[in-house]
Amino acid sequence: MKGKFGDYVEIILGGTPKTNTPSFWNGNIPWVSVKDLNDFKKIYNTERFITEAGLRNSNTKLLEIGDIILSARGSVGKIGVVAVPMAFNQTSYALRSKNISLFDQNFLYYFTKSLVNILQSKAVGGVFDTIIKSTIAELEISLPPLETQKKIASILSSYDDLIENNLNRIKLLEEAASNIYKEWFINFRFPGYEKTKFVNGIPEGWERVRLKDVATIVMGQSPESQYYNQNSTGLPFHQGVSYFSERYIIDDVFCSKETRIALAGDILVSVRAPVGRINLTLNKIIIGRGLCSIRSANGCNLFLYYCLRKIFYKEDLIGNGSIFNSIKKTDIENIILLYPQNILEVLFNHHSLSLENKIINLITQNRKLQQARDILLPKLMSGEIEV
């Protein structure tokens, strides 16, 4: 079945409520922006929410479960499926099959994903790459029969279902570690707290320290671009948050010239907008000027990681609420932490390390599943592999 993409798919543009109208924001309607799109299929959560008034008084639309979001400006080609009703902004299009007896909605997700490279090649614009609606609508496409569509979608969905199951397990493990940290170091209900003397609300023996006194801090320095590559020559290279994930950075660009190094397990913090986004690294990497690496002086990186997540609780803010678009090494060095007696720090790190190893195993599984799915996708779409 041949035709144009727009013949079979409704292409819906989103919108943004007025940002200077408080009554339009912080409601209970999830509002998707490109920040909420990642490498995973379903979108459950969004960074920002709008109100019913914001929905009524803007061009945004409330999407249905199963609708597809495709980013069309800036980071062109990010894609996800709405898992709960949510609105979305004007940098993306929503895609919905006009007739599911001709174009299966689940297959539409994978079919659109297979077109991302084509769409990116057709992007226009100066400052930001942009895909206009007509470009998508006019794409010439050829669809397999509905039964074949469903079989292809089922095969690829099996990978995404496994990935989602692993994500749920990761979330539970993260929550377990976060809850221990909160109980011990925020609520002060740590092992032996009943026998501990408190002075001015702080456990005796605890002290406020500067980050530089308990950690090694390395500010990134970018090598010349001539050394960058994507053929795995040298070490993985990162100079911003482009390849940050929920927890561990994803290696994509490599560099054959070493400048500043972060070691496996180091904490990575973005020092240019968005300031304060945090990831960990599984490997030895080169870091550029948009990042710094932080390493616990006594090997308790996970304790330090959870400490810093409380400091950088929101992008571009440091824990005291001050807004920063960039921060210097001295800003990082002079972050104040409430530090426990060493035995508690070590004990927490020991507890969380067993959870972290399980998280790493699940993340590794997911990356292999994603790689296998993405290799299979074009072969199924082209008919190279029959179903």
Protein backbone atom coordinates (compact mmCIF):
# COMPACT_ATOMS: atom_id res chain seq x y z
CA MET A 1 0.00 0.00 0.00
CA LYS A 2 1.61 3.22 -1.17
CA GLY A 3 0.83 6.87 -0.61
CA LYS A 4 1.89 9.90 1.38
CA PHE A 5 2.43 9.86 5.12
CA GLY A 6 -0.23 12.53 5.63
CA ASP A 7 -2.81 10.38 3.83
CA TYR A 8 -2.73 7.86 6.65
CA VAL A 9 -1.58 9.85 9.69
CA GLU A 10 -3.02 12.85 11.53
CA ILE A 11 -0.18 15.27 12.33
CA ILE A 12 -0.99 17.48 15.33
CA LEU A 13 1.03 20.52 16.47
CA GLY A 14 1.33 21.30 20.18
CA GLY A 15 1.51 24.58 22.04
CA THR A 16 2.67 26.36 25.19
CA PRO A 17 0.46 28.21 27.70
CA LYS A 18 1.69 31.71 28.55
CA THR A 19 4.65 31.25 30.84
CA ASN A 20 3.96 34.54 32.67
CA THR A 21 0.51 33.37 33.79
CA PRO A 22 0.95 31.37 37.01
CA SER A 23 -2.58 29.96 36.88
CA PHE A 24 -1.63 28.05 33.71
CA TRP A 25 1.21 26.11 35.35
CA ASN A 26 1.93 23.57 38.08
CA GLY A 27 -1.36 21.77 37.63
CA ASN A 28 -1.93 18.04 37.20
CA ILE A 29 -1.75 17.72 33.39
CA PRO A 30 1.65 16.42 32.18
CA TRP A 31 3.11 18.66 29.46
CA VAL A 32 5.73 17.10 27.18
CA SER A 33 8.77 18.93 25.85
CA VAL A 34 11.82 17.50 24.09
CA LYS A 35 13.51 17.11 27.51
CA ASP A 36 11.02 14.37 28.32
CA LEU A 37 11.84 12.29 25.24
CA ASN A 38 14.59 9.70 25.64
CA ASP A 39 15.63 6.38 24.16
CA PHE A 40 12.70 4.55 25.70
CA LYS A 41 9.37 3.94 24.07
CA LYS A 42 6.78 5.11 26.58
CA ILE A 43 6.49 8.52 28.22
CA TYR A 44 5.07 8.35 31.73
CA ASN A 45 6.46 11.48 33.36
CA THR A 46 7.17 15.04 32.33
CA GLU A 47 9.28 17.77 33.85
CA ARG A 48 6.47 20.34 33.78
CA PHE A 49 2.72 20.30 34.30
CA ILE A 50 -0.08 22.63 33.25
CA THR A 51 -3.58 23.35 34.56
CA GLU A 52 -6.97 22.97 32.92
CA ALA A 53 -6.92 26.74 32.38
CA GLY A 54 -3.55 26.46 30.64
CA LEU A 55 -4.93 23.73 28.40
CA ARG A 56 -8.03 25.75 27.47
CA ASN A 57 -6.18 29.01 26.86
CA SER A 58 -3.37 27.80 24.59
CA ASN A 59 -2.78 25.89 21.38
CA THR A 60 -1.64 22.77 23.16
CA LYS A 61 -3.75 19.61 22.86
CA LEU A 62 -4.54 16.80 25.27
CA LEU A 63 -3.26 13.59 23.73
CA GLU A 64 -4.63 10.09 24.10
CA ILE A 65 -2.78 7.04 25.37
CA GLY A 66 -0.90 5.54 22.43
CA ASP A 67 -0.41 8.81 20.55
CA ILE A 68 3.14 9.31 19.28
CA ILE A 69 5.29 12.37 19.99
CA LEU A 70 7.97 13.34 17.46
CA SER A 71 10.37 16.20 18.23
CA ALA A 72 10.59 18.55 15.25
CA ARG A 73 12.77 21.45 16.40
CA GLY A 74 16.26 21.45 17.86
CA SER A 75 16.81 17.78 18.70
CA VAL A 76 14.91 16.56 15.63
CA GLY A 77 13.75 12.96 15.61
CA LYS A 78 13.30 12.08 19.27
CA ILE A 79 10.22 9.93 19.58
CA GLY A 80 8.00 8.41 22.26
CA VAL A 81 4.53 7.02 22.94
CA VAL A 82 2.15 8.72 25.36
CA ALA A 83 1.47 6.32 28.26
CA VAL A 84 -0.98 8.62 30.08
CA PRO A 85 -3.07 11.54 28.76
CA MET A 86 -0.79 14.57 28.42
CA ALA A 87 -0.37 17.84 26.56
CA PHE A 88 2.72 18.86 24.57
CA ASN A 89 4.57 21.89 23.25
CA GLN A 90 5.00 23.33 19.78
CA THR A 91 8.48 21.91 19.20
CA SER A 92 6.90 18.51 18.58
CA TYR A 93 4.17 16.88 16.52
CA ALA A 94 1.76 14.23 17.70
CA LEU A 95 1.06 11.41 15.25
CA ARG A 96 -2.16 9.40 15.19
CA SER A 97 -3.31 6.83 12.64
CA LYS A 98 -6.37 8.06 10.75
CA ASN A 99 -7.54 4.50 10.20
CA ILE A 100 -6.12 1.69 12.35
CA SER A 101 -7.46 -0.89 9.90
CA LEU A 102 -4.93 0.48 7.39
CA PHE A 103 -2.10 1.75 9.60
CA ASP A 104 -1.67 0.09 12.99
CA GLN A 105 -0.86 2.67 15.70
CA ASN A 106 1.81 0.52 17.33
CA PHE A 107 3.42 -0.13 13.94
CA LEU A 108 3.25 3.63 13.28
CA TYR A 109 5.67 4.21 16.17
CA TYR A 110 8.30 1.86 14.73
CA PHE A 111 7.67 2.97 11.17
CA THR A 112 8.23 6.62 12.17
CA LYS A 113 11.32 5.62 14.12
CA SER A 114 12.70 4.05 10.94
CA LEU A 115 12.19 7.39 9.12
CA VAL A 116 14.15 9.51 11.63
CA ASN A 117 17.34 9.71 9.53
CA ILE A 118 15.30 10.81 6.49
CA LEU A 119 13.48 13.44 8.52
CA GLN A 120 16.73 14.76 10.00
CA SER A 121 18.18 15.11 6.49
CA LYS A 122 15.19 17.25 5.50
CA ALA A 123 15.45 19.62 8.48
CA VAL A 124 15.73 23.32 7.69
CA GLY A 125 16.53 26.40 9.73
CA GLY A 126 19.40 28.53 10.95
CA VAL A 127 19.83 28.44 14.71
CA PHE A 128 17.64 25.35 15.20
CA ASP A 129 17.01 22.45 12.85
CA THR A 130 13.28 22.25 12.16
CA ILE A 131 10.99 19.79 10.41
CA ILE A 132 7.87 21.46 9.07
CA LYS A 133 4.54 19.67 9.00
CA SER A 134 4.33 19.49 5.21
CA THR A 135 7.71 17.76 5.03
CA ILE A 136 6.37 14.91 7.13
CA ALA A 137 2.99 14.83 5.41
CA GLU A 138 4.48 14.66 1.90
CA LEU A 139 6.82 11.75 2.55
CA GLU A 140 6.17 8.95 0.07
CA ILE A 141 5.69 5.72 1.98
CA SER A 142 4.89 2.08 1.31
CA LEU A 143 3.05 0.06 3.95
CA PRO A 144 2.91 -3.71 4.35
CA PRO A 145 -0.46 -5.42 4.91
CA LEU A 146 -2.06 -4.82 8.31
CA GLU A 147 -1.34 -8.34 9.55
CA THR A 148 2.35 -7.93 8.71
CA GLN A 149 2.37 -4.52 10.42
CA LYS A 150 1.07 -6.10 13.62
CA LYS A 151 3.62 -8.92 13.49
CA ILE A 152 6.51 -6.48 13.02
CA ALA A 153 5.25 -4.25 15.84
CA SER A 154 4.85 -7.30 18.09
CA ILE A 155 8.43 -8.45 17.49
CA LEU A 156 9.90 -5.01 18.20
CA SER A 157 7.55 -4.40 21.14
CA SER A 158 8.89 -7.52 22.85
CA TYR A 159 12.25 -5.75 23.14
CA ASP A 160 10.66 -2.56 24.46
CA ASP A 161 8.56 -4.52 26.94
CA LEU A 162 11.69 -6.11 28.37
CA ILE A 163 13.36 -2.69 28.50
CA GLU A 164 10.37 -1.20 30.33
CA ASN A 165 10.32 -4.07 32.81
CA ASN A 166 14.00 -3.46 33.55
CA LEU A 167 13.33 0.27 33.94
CA ASN A 168 10.70 -0.48 36.56
CA ARG A 169 13.17 -2.68 38.43
CA ILE A 170 15.81 0.07 38.22
CA LYS A 171 13.34 2.59 39.63
CA LEU A 172 12.61 0.34 42.62
CA LEU A 173 16.33 -0.15 43.30
CA GLU A 174 16.97 3.61 43.04
CA GLU A 175 14.09 4.32 45.41
CA ALA A 176 15.47 1.81 47.90
CA ALA A 177 18.88 3.53 47.96
CA SER A 178 17.33 7.01 48.07
CA ASN A 179 15.09 6.02 50.96
CA ILE A 180 18.05 4.72 52.97
CA TYR A 181 19.92 7.97 52.31
CA LYS A 182 16.92 10.07 53.35
CA GLU A 183 16.30 8.02 56.48
CA TRP A 184 19.93 8.12 57.62
CA PHE A 185 21.16 11.55 56.54
CA ILE A 186 18.04 13.72 56.30
CA ASN A 187 15.84 12.27 59.06
CA PHE A 188 18.89 11.23 61.13
CA ARG A 189 17.48 7.76 61.81
CA PHE A 190 20.76 5.99 61.11
CA PRO A 191 21.99 2.82 62.85
CA GLY A 192 22.63 3.71 66.48
CA TYR A 193 20.86 7.09 66.36
CA GLU A 194 19.02 6.29 69.59
CA LYS A 195 22.31 6.46 71.52
CA THR A 196 23.67 9.47 69.64
CA LYS A 197 23.87 12.91 71.23
CA PHE A 198 22.48 15.76 69.09
CA VAL A 199 23.94 19.26 69.25
CA ASN A 200 21.85 22.07 67.72
CA GLY A 201 19.84 19.44 65.85
CA ILE A 202 22.95 17.80 64.35
CA PRO A 203 24.40 14.44 65.43
CA GLU A 204 27.51 14.88 67.51
CA GLY A 205 30.65 14.29 65.46
CA TRP A 206 29.05 15.37 62.18
CA GLU A 207 30.48 18.48 60.54
CA ARG A 208 29.95 20.85 57.69
CA VAL A 209 32.71 20.52 55.11
CA ARG A 210 33.54 21.97 51.72
CA LEU A 211 33.30 19.57 48.81
CA LYS A 212 36.97 20.08 47.96
CA ASP A 213 37.91 18.73 51.40
CA VAL A 214 36.27 15.36 50.76
CA ALA A 215 36.57 14.92 46.99
CA THR A 216 38.80 15.30 43.97
CA ILE A 217 37.28 17.72 41.45
CA VAL A 218 38.36 17.79 37.80
CA MET A 219 37.06 20.50 35.48
CA GLY A 220 36.70 19.47 31.85
CA GLN A 221 38.83 20.81 29.00
CA SER A 222 37.80 20.21 25.39
CA PRO A 223 40.40 18.94 22.90
CA GLU A 224 40.39 20.32 19.35
CA SER A 225 37.47 18.97 17.31
CA GLN A 226 39.83 17.35 14.79
CA TYR A 227 40.38 14.56 17.34
CA TYR A 228 36.66 13.72 17.69
CA ASN A 229 35.32 10.58 16.00
CA GLN A 230 32.58 8.00 16.11
CA ASN A 231 34.65 4.96 15.21
CA SER A 232 35.71 4.20 18.80
CA THR A 233 39.23 5.60 18.39
CA GLY A 234 40.54 6.74 21.76
CA LEU A 235 38.30 7.23 24.80
CA PRO A 236 34.62 8.20 24.98
CA PHE A 237 34.32 12.00 25.02
CA HIS A 238 31.63 14.15 26.65
CA GLN A 239 31.48 17.91 26.99
CA GLY A 240 27.84 18.48 27.97
CA VAL A 241 24.58 16.73 28.76
CA SER A 242 23.74 15.57 25.22
CA TYR A 243 24.34 11.94 26.16
CA PHE A 244 23.21 12.06 29.76
CA SER A 245 20.58 9.50 30.67
CA GLU A 246 18.59 9.03 33.86
CA ARG A 247 21.71 7.76 35.65
CA TYR A 248 24.68 6.65 33.52
CA ILE A 249 26.07 8.63 30.60
CA ILE A 250 25.83 7.00 27.16
CA ASP A 251 29.06 6.87 25.14
CA ASP A 252 28.71 7.93 21.50
CA VAL A 253 31.51 10.36 20.53
CA PHE A 254 35.17 9.39 21.00
CA CYS A 255 38.38 11.40 21.11
CA SER A 256 41.93 10.36 20.30
CA LYS A 257 43.53 13.15 22.35
CA GLU A 258 43.33 12.96 26.12
CA THR A 259 42.85 16.13 28.13
CA ARG A 260 40.89 15.89 31.40
CA ILE A 261 39.86 12.41 32.53
CA ALA A 262 36.97 11.02 34.56
CA LEU A 263 37.31 7.48 35.87
CA ALA A 264 34.69 4.73 35.97
CA GLY A 265 32.25 5.45 38.79
CA ASP A 266 32.99 9.20 38.88
CA ILE A 267 30.14 11.65 39.33
CA LEU A 268 29.64 13.99 36.36
CA VAL A 269 28.07 17.41 36.91
CA SER A 270 27.20 19.86 34.14
CA VAL A 271 28.78 23.27 34.84
CA ARG A 272 27.16 25.15 31.95
CA ALA A 273 23.44 25.49 31.33
CA PRO A 274 21.75 23.34 32.34
CA VAL A 275 23.87 23.62 35.49
CA GLY A 276 23.71 20.78 37.97
CA ARG A 277 22.50 17.87 35.90
CA ILE A 278 24.17 14.76 37.34
CA ASN A 279 25.19 11.42 35.83
CA LEU A 280 27.67 8.67 36.58
CA THR A 281 30.10 7.06 34.17
CA LEU A 282 30.67 3.34 33.67
CA ASN A 283 33.97 3.89 31.87
CA LYS A 284 37.09 6.00 31.82
CA ILE A 285 36.18 9.03 29.67
CA ILE A 286 37.50 12.40 28.50
CA ILE A 287 35.47 15.37 29.74
CA GLY A 288 35.13 18.71 27.97
CA ARG A 289 34.49 22.20 29.28
CA GLY A 290 30.79 21.71 30.02
CA LEU A 291 31.40 19.06 32.68
CA CYS A 292 33.31 18.40 35.83
CA SER A 293 34.00 15.07 37.50
CA ILE A 294 33.84 14.50 41.24
CA ARG A 295 35.43 11.56 43.04
CA SER A 296 35.14 10.78 46.74
CA ALA A 297 38.48 11.00 48.53
CA ASN A 298 37.79 7.77 50.44
CA GLY A 299 36.05 5.77 47.72
CA CYS A 300 32.47 6.46 48.85
CA ASN A 301 31.27 7.81 45.50
CA LEU A 302 27.68 6.64 45.91
CA PHE A 303 27.31 8.46 49.22
CA LEU A 304 28.64 11.60 47.54
CA TYR A 305 26.32 11.05 44.55
CA TYR A 306 23.22 11.10 46.77
CA CYS A 307 24.58 14.12 48.66
CA LEU A 308 24.97 16.07 45.43
CA ARG A 309 21.51 15.08 44.18
CA LYS A 310 20.16 16.98 47.20
CA ILE A 311 22.34 19.98 46.42
CA PHE A 312 21.46 20.13 42.71
CA TYR A 313 17.80 19.43 43.28
CA LYS A 314 16.79 21.44 40.21
CA GLU A 315 18.67 22.41 37.05
CA ASP A 316 20.45 25.77 37.11
CA LEU A 317 20.00 26.03 40.86
CA ILE A 318 22.43 25.26 43.63
CA GLY A 319 21.01 24.10 46.96
CA ASN A 320 20.57 27.59 48.39
CA GLY A 321 18.20 28.48 45.54
CA SER A 322 20.62 30.76 43.69
CA ILE A 323 20.31 30.64 39.91
CA PHE A 324 23.42 29.86 37.85
CA ASN A 325 23.86 29.59 34.07
CA SER A 326 27.44 28.45 34.57
CA ILE A 327 29.63 27.71 37.55
CA LYS A 328 33.38 27.82 38.14
CA LYS A 329 35.61 25.36 39.92
CA THR A 330 35.55 27.50 43.07
CA ASP A 331 31.75 27.31 43.10
CA ILE A 332 31.97 23.53 43.06
CA GLU A 333 34.82 23.37 45.58
CA ASN A 334 32.98 25.51 48.11
CA ILE A 335 29.70 23.59 48.12
CA ILE A 336 28.95 22.86 51.77
CA LEU A 337 27.98 19.34 52.78
CA LEU A 338 26.84 18.01 56.14
CA TYR A 339 29.19 15.06 56.58
CA PRO A 340 28.62 12.14 58.97
CA GLN A 341 31.13 10.16 60.92
CA ASN A 342 33.17 8.06 58.50
CA ILE A 343 31.72 4.72 59.56
CA LEU A 344 28.21 5.78 58.45
CA GLU A 345 29.46 7.00 55.09
CA VAL A 346 31.23 3.68 54.49
CA LEU A 347 28.24 1.66 55.72
CA PHE A 348 25.83 3.50 53.42
CA ASN A 349 28.18 3.08 50.48
CA HIS A 350 28.36 -0.66 51.19
CA HIS A 351 24.55 -0.99 51.29
CA SER A 352 23.98 1.10 48.16
CA LEU A 353 26.79 -0.59 46.21
CA SER A 354 24.95 -3.92 46.15
CA LEU A 355 21.87 -2.12 44.80
CA GLU A 356 23.99 -0.17 42.33
CA ASN A 357 25.54 -3.31 40.87
CA LYS A 358 22.05 -4.62 40.14
CA ILE A 359 21.17 -1.28 38.51
CA ILE A 360 24.31 -1.44 36.34
CA ASN A 361 23.44 -4.98 35.22
CA LEU A 362 19.93 -3.88 34.23
CA ILE A 363 21.21 -0.79 32.41
CA THR A 364 23.71 -2.95 30.51
CA GLN A 365 20.92 -5.35 29.56
CA ASN A 366 18.77 -2.47 28.34
CA ARG A 367 21.52 -1.03 26.18
CA LYS A 368 22.03 -4.43 24.55
CA LEU A 369 18.29 -4.80 24.01
CA GLN A 370 18.12 -1.33 22.45
CA GLN A 371 21.05 -2.13 20.18
CA ALA A 372 19.46 -5.41 19.05
CA ARG A 373 16.09 -3.71 18.46
CA ASP A 374 17.67 -0.91 16.45
CA ILE A 375 19.58 -3.38 14.28
CA LEU A 376 16.40 -5.37 13.67
CA LEU A 377 14.16 -2.35 12.95
CA PRO A 378 15.39 -1.36 9.45
CA LYS A 379 15.68 -5.00 8.38
CA LEU A 380 12.06 -5.69 9.29
CA MET A 381 10.88 -2.47 7.66
CA SER A 382 12.75 -3.12 4.43
CA GLY A 383 11.63 -6.74 4.22
CA GLU A 384 15.22 -8.00 4.49
CA ILE A 385 13.94 -10.14 7.35
CA GLU A 386 10.53 -11.69 6.78
CA VAL A 387 8.02 -12.14 9.59
